C-alpha atoms as a PDB file:
ATOM      1  CA  UNK A   1     116.852 106.094  76.072  1.00  0.00           C
ATOM      2  CA  UNK A   2     116.948 104.210  79.364  1.00  0.00           C
ATOM      3  CA  UNK A   3     113.887 102.172  78.368  1.00  0.00           C
ATOM      4  CA  UNK A   4     115.512 101.209  75.051  1.00  0.00           C
ATOM      5  CA  UNK A   5     118.622 100.089  76.929  1.00  0.00           C
ATOM      6  CA  UNK A   6     116.486  98.036  79.283  1.00  0.00           C
ATOM      7  CA  UNK A   7     114.637  96.403  76.376  1.00  0.00           C
ATOM      8  CA  UNK A   8     117.912  95.555  74.629  1.00  0.00           C
ATOM      9  CA  UNK A   9     119.405  94.079  77.787  1.00  0.00           C
ATOM     10  CA  UNK A  10     116.288  91.985  78.417  1.00  0.00           C
ATOM     11  CA  UNK A  11     116.260  90.804  74.791  1.00  0.00           C
ATOM     12  CA  UNK A  12     119.788  89.448  75.287  1.00  0.00           C
ATOM     13  CA  UNK A  13     119.089  87.989  78.738  1.00  0.00           C
ATOM     14  CA  UNK A  14     115.840  86.334  77.670  1.00  0.00           C
ATOM     15  CA  UNK A  15     117.594  84.676  74.720  1.00  0.00           C
ATOM     16  CA  UNK A  16     120.206  83.208  77.059  1.00  0.00           C
ATOM     17  CA  UNK A  17     117.526  82.055  79.520  1.00  0.00           C
ATOM     18  CA  UNK A  18     115.530  80.393  76.724  1.00  0.00           C
ATOM     19  CA  UNK A  19     118.655  78.602  75.527  1.00  0.00           C
ATOM     20  CA  UNK A  20     119.433  77.296  79.022  1.00  0.00           C
ATOM     21  CA  UNK A  21     115.813  76.276  79.611  1.00  0.00           C
ATOM     22  CA  UNK A  22     115.639  74.401  76.289  1.00  0.00           C
ATOM     23  CA  UNK A  23     118.861  72.527  76.990  1.00  0.00           C
ATOM     24  CA  UNK A  24     117.531  71.360  80.366  1.00  0.00           C
ATOM     25  CA  UNK A  25     113.869  70.695  79.502  1.00  0.00           C
ATOM     26  CA  UNK A  26     112.216  67.324  79.137  1.00  0.00           C
ATOM     27  CA  UNK A  27     110.819  67.250  75.579  1.00  0.00           C
ATOM     28  CA  UNK A  28     108.061  64.850  76.639  1.00  0.00           C
ATOM     29  CA  UNK A  29     106.749  67.235  79.310  1.00  0.00           C
ATOM     30  CA  UNK A  30     107.185  70.690  77.793  1.00  0.00           C
ATOM     31  CA  UNK A  31     107.523  72.231  74.348  1.00  0.00           C
ATOM     32  CA  UNK A  32     110.370  74.533  73.390  1.00  0.00           C
ATOM     33  CA  UNK A  33     110.747  77.836  75.191  1.00  0.00           C
ATOM     34  CA  UNK A  34     110.934  81.099  73.269  1.00  0.00           C
ATOM     35  CA  UNK A  35     112.878  84.177  74.386  1.00  0.00           C
ATOM     36  CA  UNK A  36     109.571  86.041  74.703  1.00  0.00           C
ATOM     37  CA  UNK A  37     108.619  83.609  77.500  1.00  0.00           C
ATOM     38  CA  UNK A  38     111.328  85.215  79.647  1.00  0.00           C
ATOM     39  CA  UNK A  39     111.210  88.841  78.444  1.00  0.00           C
ATOM     40  CA  UNK A  40     109.087  91.080  80.689  1.00  0.00           C
ATOM     41  CA  UNK A  41     108.789  93.668  77.896  1.00  0.00           C
ATOM     42  CA  UNK A  42     107.265  91.096  75.493  1.00  0.00           C
ATOM     43  CA  UNK A  43     104.602  89.711  77.822  1.00  0.00           C
ATOM     44  CA  UNK A  44     100.965  90.513  77.227  1.00  0.00           C
ATOM     45  CA  UNK A  45      99.161  92.860  79.574  1.00  0.00           C
ATOM     46  CA  UNK A  46      96.791  90.047  80.594  1.00  0.00           C
ATOM     47  CA  UNK A  47      99.761  87.959  81.770  1.00  0.00           C
ATOM     48  CA  UNK A  48     100.870  90.706  84.138  1.00  0.00           C
ATOM     49  CA  UNK A  49      97.793  91.053  86.315  1.00  0.00           C
ATOM     50  CA  UNK A  50      99.102  91.906  89.757  1.00  0.00           C
ATOM     51  CA  UNK A  51      96.991  91.681  92.886  1.00  0.00           C
ATOM     52  CA  UNK A  52      96.216  94.955  94.600  1.00  0.00           C
ATOM     53  CA  UNK A  53      97.126  94.898  98.262  1.00  0.00           C
ATOM     54  CA  UNK A  54      98.426  97.280 100.869  1.00  0.00           C
ATOM     55  CA  UNK A  55     101.862  97.573 102.354  1.00  0.00           C
ATOM     56  CA  UNK A  56     100.743  95.665 105.459  1.00  0.00           C
ATOM     57  CA  UNK A  57     101.125  92.464 103.418  1.00  0.00           C
ATOM     58  CA  UNK A  58     104.876  93.068 103.213  1.00  0.00           C
ATOM     59  CA  UNK A  59     105.045  93.384 106.984  1.00  0.00           C
ATOM     60  CA  UNK A  60     103.159  90.100 107.399  1.00  0.00           C
ATOM     61  CA  UNK A  61     105.426  88.256 104.978  1.00  0.00           C
ATOM     62  CA  UNK A  62     108.854  89.645 105.824  1.00  0.00           C
ATOM     63  CA  UNK A  63     108.621  90.695 109.452  1.00  0.00           C
ATOM     64  CA  UNK A  64     105.932  88.532 111.048  1.00  0.00           C
ATOM     65  CA  UNK A  65     106.687  85.467 108.884  1.00  0.00           C
ATOM     66  CA  UNK A  66     103.014  84.793 108.158  1.00  0.00           C
ATOM     67  CA  UNK A  67     103.207  84.575 104.384  1.00  0.00           C
ATOM     68  CA  UNK A  68     101.033  82.157 102.539  1.00  0.00           C
END
């Protein structure tokens, strides 16, 4: 039930984000945005490839300031 609520909330939010993005886009540089472009539940698995790294990366970025 919680996942369905999350999907419904993201469906609404992604529609609003697509509307805002389309109002502010340059039609010569980019085509129209679709709500699925902003919905994390609608993205393909291949689009969500995350790098595997250890927790020491977080220390480097947030504590040591050596992100990059």
